[in-house]
């Protein structure tokens, strides 16, 4: 399973809508996800900065 984001947009009620393509067992379909930005985590155990 893979997800590839194609865009993000503000929602009027707060939060965001993330558009993208979800591939499962070789079949790809466009999907829309409800997401919220909660901040930045300084560093994970691998040294990467993450948005949550």
PDB file of N, CA and C in Angstrom:
ATOM      1  N   UNK A   1       0.850  -1.163   0.000  1.00  0.00           N
ATOM      2  CA  UNK A   1       0.000   0.000   0.000  1.00  0.00           C
ATOM      3  C   UNK A   1       0.898   1.230   0.000  1.00  0.00           C
ATOM      4  N   UNK A   2       0.578   2.188  -0.859  1.00  0.00           N
ATOM      5  CA  UNK A   2       1.289   3.465  -0.877  1.00  0.00           C
ATOM      6  C   UNK A   2       0.284   4.602  -1.022  1.00  0.00           C
ATOM      7  N   UNK A   3       0.655   5.752  -0.470  1.00  0.00           N
ATOM      8  CA  UNK A   3      -0.143   6.957  -0.614  1.00  0.00           C
ATOM      9  C   UNK A   3       0.773   8.049  -1.125  1.00  0.00           C
ATOM     10  N   UNK A   4       0.321   8.780  -2.143  1.00  0.00           N
ATOM     11  CA  UNK A   4       1.075   9.894  -2.704  1.00  0.00           C
ATOM     12  C   UNK A   4       0.176  11.126  -2.699  1.00  0.00           C
ATOM     13  N   UNK A   5       0.575  12.153  -1.937  1.00  0.00           N
ATOM     14  CA  UNK A   5      -0.215  13.374  -1.845  1.00  0.00           C
ATOM     15  C   UNK A   5      -0.143  14.166  -3.144  1.00  0.00           C
ATOM     16  N   UNK A   6      -1.289  14.719  -3.555  1.00  0.00           N
ATOM     17  CA  UNK A   6      -1.337  15.567  -4.746  1.00  0.00           C
ATOM     18  C   UNK A   6      -1.713  17.005  -4.403  1.00  0.00           C
ATOM     19  N   UNK A   7      -2.107  17.254  -3.148  1.00  0.00           N
ATOM     20  CA  UNK A   7      -2.455  18.610  -2.757  1.00  0.00           C
ATOM     21  C   UNK A   7      -3.070  18.665  -1.378  1.00  0.00           C
ATOM     22  N   UNK A   8      -3.118  19.883  -0.828  1.00  0.00           N
ATOM     23  CA  UNK A   8      -3.738  20.103   0.474  1.00  0.00           C
ATOM     24  C   UNK A   8      -4.459  21.443   0.427  1.00  0.00           C
ATOM     25  N   UNK A   9      -5.602  21.526   1.115  1.00  0.00           N
ATOM     26  CA  UNK A   9      -6.376  22.767   1.112  1.00  0.00           C
ATOM     27  C   UNK A   9      -7.050  22.968   2.466  1.00  0.00           C
ATOM     28  N   UNK A  10      -7.291  24.242   2.807  1.00  0.00           N
ATOM     29  CA  UNK A  10      -7.965  24.589   4.062  1.00  0.00           C
ATOM     30  C   UNK A  10      -9.422  24.178   4.020  1.00  0.00           C
ATOM     31  N   UNK A  11      -9.945  23.776   5.170  1.00  0.00           N
ATOM     32  CA  UNK A  11     -11.383  23.542   5.335  1.00  0.00           C
ATOM     33  C   UNK A  11     -11.949  24.723   6.096  1.00  0.00           C
ATOM     34  N   UNK A  12     -13.189  25.084   5.796  1.00  0.00           N
ATOM     35  CA  UNK A  12     -13.826  26.204   6.504  1.00  0.00           C
ATOM     36  C   UNK A  12     -13.994  25.915   7.986  1.00  0.00           C
ATOM     37  N   UNK A  13     -14.245  24.669   8.365  1.00  0.00           N
ATOM     38  CA  UNK A  13     -14.489  24.297   9.758  1.00  0.00           C
ATOM     39  C   UNK A  13     -13.190  24.083  10.532  1.00  0.00           C
ATOM     40  N   UNK A  14     -12.045  24.379   9.950  1.00  0.00           N
ATOM     41  CA  UNK A  14     -10.754  24.136  10.585  1.00  0.00           C
ATOM     42  C   UNK A  14     -10.151  22.846  10.047  1.00  0.00           C
ATOM     43  N   UNK A  15      -8.879  22.711  10.192  1.00  0.00           N
ATOM     44  CA  UNK A  15      -8.192  21.542   9.662  1.00  0.00           C
ATOM     45  C   UNK A  15      -7.964  21.686   8.168  1.00  0.00           C
ATOM     46  N   UNK A  16      -7.637  20.578   7.529  1.00  0.00           N
ATOM     47  CA  UNK A  16      -7.300  20.581   6.113  1.00  0.00           C
ATOM     48  C   UNK A  16      -7.872  19.347   5.420  1.00  0.00           C
ATOM     49  N   UNK A  17      -7.949  19.415   4.114  1.00  0.00           N
ATOM     50  CA  UNK A  17      -8.269  18.266   3.271  1.00  0.00           C
ATOM     51  C   UNK A  17      -7.012  17.942   2.476  1.00  0.00           C
ATOM     52  N   UNK A  18      -6.571  16.688   2.517  1.00  0.00           N
ATOM     53  CA  UNK A  18      -5.415  16.267   1.736  1.00  0.00           C
ATOM     54  C   UNK A  18      -5.895  15.341   0.632  1.00  0.00           C
ATOM     55  N   UNK A  19      -5.574  15.713  -0.601  1.00  0.00           N
ATOM     56  CA  UNK A  19      -5.913  14.887  -1.753  1.00  0.00           C
ATOM     57  C   UNK A  19      -4.701  14.036  -2.108  1.00  0.00           C
ATOM     58  N   UNK A  20      -4.964  12.855  -2.649  1.00  0.00           N
ATOM     59  CA  UNK A  20      -3.853  12.015  -3.053  1.00  0.00           C
ATOM     60  C   UNK A  20      -4.318  10.752  -3.730  1.00  0.00           C
ATOM     61  N   UNK A  21      -3.359   9.927  -4.073  1.00  0.00           N
ATOM     62  CA  UNK A  21      -3.619   8.650  -4.729  1.00  0.00           C
ATOM     63  C   UNK A  21      -3.207   7.518  -3.805  1.00  0.00           C
ATOM     64  N   UNK A  22      -4.133   6.600  -3.553  1.00  0.00           N
ATOM     65  CA  UNK A  22      -3.881   5.428  -2.734  1.00  0.00           C
ATOM     66  C   UNK A  22      -3.773   4.224  -3.651  1.00  0.00           C
ATOM     67  N   UNK A  23      -2.664   3.496  -3.540  1.00  0.00           N
ATOM     68  CA  UNK A  23      -2.463   2.295  -4.340  1.00  0.00           C
ATOM     69  C   UNK A  23      -2.462   1.087  -3.410  1.00  0.00           C
ATOM     70  N   UNK A  24      -3.303   0.120  -3.724  1.00  0.00           N
ATOM     71  CA  UNK A  24      -3.425  -1.103  -2.939  1.00  0.00           C
ATOM     72  C   UNK A  24      -3.544  -2.270  -3.905  1.00  0.00           C
ATOM     73  N   UNK A  25      -2.651  -3.226  -3.797  1.00  0.00           N
ATOM     74  CA  UNK A  25      -2.635  -4.408  -4.668  1.00  0.00           C
ATOM     75  C   UNK A  25      -2.621  -4.025  -6.152  1.00  0.00           C
ATOM     76  N   UNK A  26      -1.853  -2.973  -6.474  1.00  0.00           N
ATOM     77  CA  UNK A  26      -1.696  -2.555  -7.864  1.00  0.00           C
ATOM     78  C   UNK A  26      -2.824  -1.704  -8.426  1.00  0.00           C
ATOM     79  N   UNK A  27      -3.815  -1.389  -7.621  1.00  0.00           N
ATOM     80  CA  UNK A  27      -4.946  -0.560  -8.060  1.00  0.00           C
ATOM     81  C   UNK A  27      -4.839   0.797  -7.379  1.00  0.00           C
ATOM     82  N   UNK A  28      -4.836   1.862  -8.182  1.00  0.00           N
ATOM     83  CA  UNK A  28      -4.711   3.228  -7.664  1.00  0.00           C
ATOM     84  C   UNK A  28      -6.041   3.964  -7.794  1.00  0.00           C
ATOM     85  N   UNK A  29      -6.438   4.593  -6.695  1.00  0.00           N
ATOM     86  CA  UNK A  29      -7.675   5.386  -6.671  1.00  0.00           C
ATOM     87  C   UNK A  29      -7.393   6.716  -5.986  1.00  0.00           C
ATOM     88  N   UNK A  30      -8.041   7.810  -6.459  1.00  0.00           N
ATOM     89  CA  UNK A  30      -7.892   9.087  -5.755  1.00  0.00           C
ATOM     90  C   UNK A  30      -8.712   9.072  -4.470  1.00  0.00           C
ATOM     91  N   UNK A  31      -8.151   9.644  -3.397  1.00  0.00           N
ATOM     92  CA  UNK A  31      -8.877   9.739  -2.129  1.00  0.00           C
ATOM     93  C   UNK A  31      -8.685  11.138  -1.550  1.00  0.00           C
ATOM     94  N   UNK A  32      -9.520  11.458  -0.563  1.00  0.00           N
ATOM     95  CA  UNK A  32      -9.471  12.735   0.149  1.00  0.00           C
ATOM     96  C   UNK A  32      -9.464  12.413   1.641  1.00  0.00           C
ATOM     97  N   UNK A  33      -8.498  12.971   2.372  1.00  0.00           N
ATOM     98  CA  UNK A  33      -8.371  12.717   3.798  1.00  0.00           C
ATOM     99  C   UNK A  33      -8.592  14.000   4.593  1.00  0.00           C
ATOM    100  N   UNK A  34      -9.251  13.892   5.750  1.00  0.00           N
ATOM    101  CA  UNK A  34      -9.361  14.998   6.696  1.00  0.00           C
ATOM    102  C   UNK A  34      -8.119  14.954   7.581  1.00  0.00           C
ATOM    103  N   UNK A  35      -7.379  16.059   7.672  1.00  0.00           N
ATOM    104  CA  UNK A  35      -6.165  16.095   8.489  1.00  0.00           C
ATOM    105  C   UNK A  35      -6.136  17.359   9.337  1.00  0.00           C
ATOM    106  N   UNK A  36      -5.394  17.295  10.450  1.00  0.00           N
ATOM    107  CA  UNK A  36      -5.166  18.445  11.319  1.00  0.00           C
ATOM    108  C   UNK A  36      -3.676  18.577  11.551  1.00  0.00           C
ATOM    109  N   UNK A  37      -3.203  19.806  11.599  1.00  0.00           N
ATOM    110  CA  UNK A  37      -1.805  20.088  11.915  1.00  0.00           C
ATOM    111  C   UNK A  37      -1.721  20.379  13.402  1.00  0.00           C
ATOM    112  N   UNK A  38      -0.934  19.599  14.123  1.00  0.00           N
ATOM    113  CA  UNK A  38      -0.822  19.770  15.569  1.00  0.00           C
ATOM    114  C   UNK A  38       0.539  20.300  16.004  1.00  0.00           C
ATOM    115  N   UNK A  39       1.447  20.464  15.063  1.00  0.00           N
ATOM    116  CA  UNK A  39       2.744  21.021  15.411  1.00  0.00           C
ATOM    117  C   UNK A  39       3.893  20.202  14.850  1.00  0.00           C
ATOM    118  N   UNK A  40       5.093  20.554  15.293  1.00  0.00           N
ATOM    119  CA  UNK A  40       6.324  19.914  14.842  1.00  0.00           C
ATOM    120  C   UNK A  40       6.958  19.184  16.028  1.00  0.00           C
ATOM    121  N   UNK A  41       7.404  17.965  15.792  1.00  0.00           N
ATOM    122  CA  UNK A  41       8.173  17.210  16.780  1.00  0.00           C
ATOM    123  C   UNK A  41       9.645  17.456  16.450  1.00  0.00           C
ATOM    124  N   UNK A  42      10.448  17.922  17.417  1.00  0.00           N
ATOM    125  CA  UNK A  42      11.819  18.318  17.107  1.00  0.00           C
ATOM    126  C   UNK A  42      12.621  17.260  16.346  1.00  0.00           C
ATOM    127  N   UNK A  43      12.815  16.107  16.873  1.00  0.00           N
ATOM    128  CA  UNK A  43      13.573  15.055  16.202  1.00  0.00           C
ATOM    129  C   UNK A  43      13.056  13.687  16.661  1.00  0.00           C
ATOM    130  N   UNK A  44      12.917  12.762  15.699  1.00  0.00           N
ATOM    131  CA  UNK A  44      12.593  11.396  16.071  1.00  0.00           C
ATOM    132  C   UNK A  44      13.905  10.654  16.363  1.00  0.00           C
ATOM    133  N   UNK A  45      13.844   9.370  16.750  1.00  0.00           N
ATOM    134  CA  UNK A  45      15.086   8.644  17.068  1.00  0.00           C
ATOM    135  C   UNK A  45      16.081   8.554  15.897  1.00  0.00           C
ATOM    136  N   UNK A  46      15.604   8.802  14.675  1.00  0.00           N
ATOM    137  CA  UNK A  46      16.472   8.721  13.501  1.00  0.00           C
ATOM    138  C   UNK A  46      17.009  10.101  13.089  1.00  0.00           C
ATOM    139  N   UNK A  47      16.667  11.148  13.859  1.00  0.00           N
ATOM    140  CA  UNK A  47      17.145  12.487  13.571  1.00  0.00           C
ATOM    141  C   UNK A  47      16.283  13.278  12.598  1.00  0.00           C
ATOM    142  N   UNK A  48      15.095  12.773  12.265  1.00  0.00           N
ATOM    143  CA  UNK A  48      14.206  13.447  11.320  1.00  0.00           C
ATOM    144  C   UNK A  48      13.206  14.344  12.037  1.00  0.00           C
ATOM    145  N   UNK A  49      12.912  15.513  11.474  1.00  0.00           N
ATOM    146  CA  UNK A  49      11.871  16.395  11.993  1.00  0.00           C
ATOM    147  C   UNK A  49      10.536  15.919  11.447  1.00  0.00           C
ATOM    148  N   UNK A  50       9.502  15.865  12.292  1.00  0.00           N
ATOM    149  CA  UNK A  50       8.190  15.350  11.890  1.00  0.00           C
ATOM    150  C   UNK A  50       7.100  16.368  12.172  1.00  0.00           C
ATOM    151  N   UNK A  51       6.116  16.456  11.290  1.00  0.00           N
ATOM    152  CA  UNK A  51       4.906  17.225  11.534  1.00  0.00           C
ATOM    153  C   UNK A  51       3.851  16.252  12.043  1.00  0.00           C
ATOM    154  N   UNK A  52       3.104  16.667  13.057  1.00  0.00           N
ATOM    155  CA  UNK A  52       2.065  15.790  13.626  1.00  0.00           C
ATOM    156  C   UNK A  52       0.708  16.461  13.549  1.00  0.00           C
TER     157      UNK A  52
END
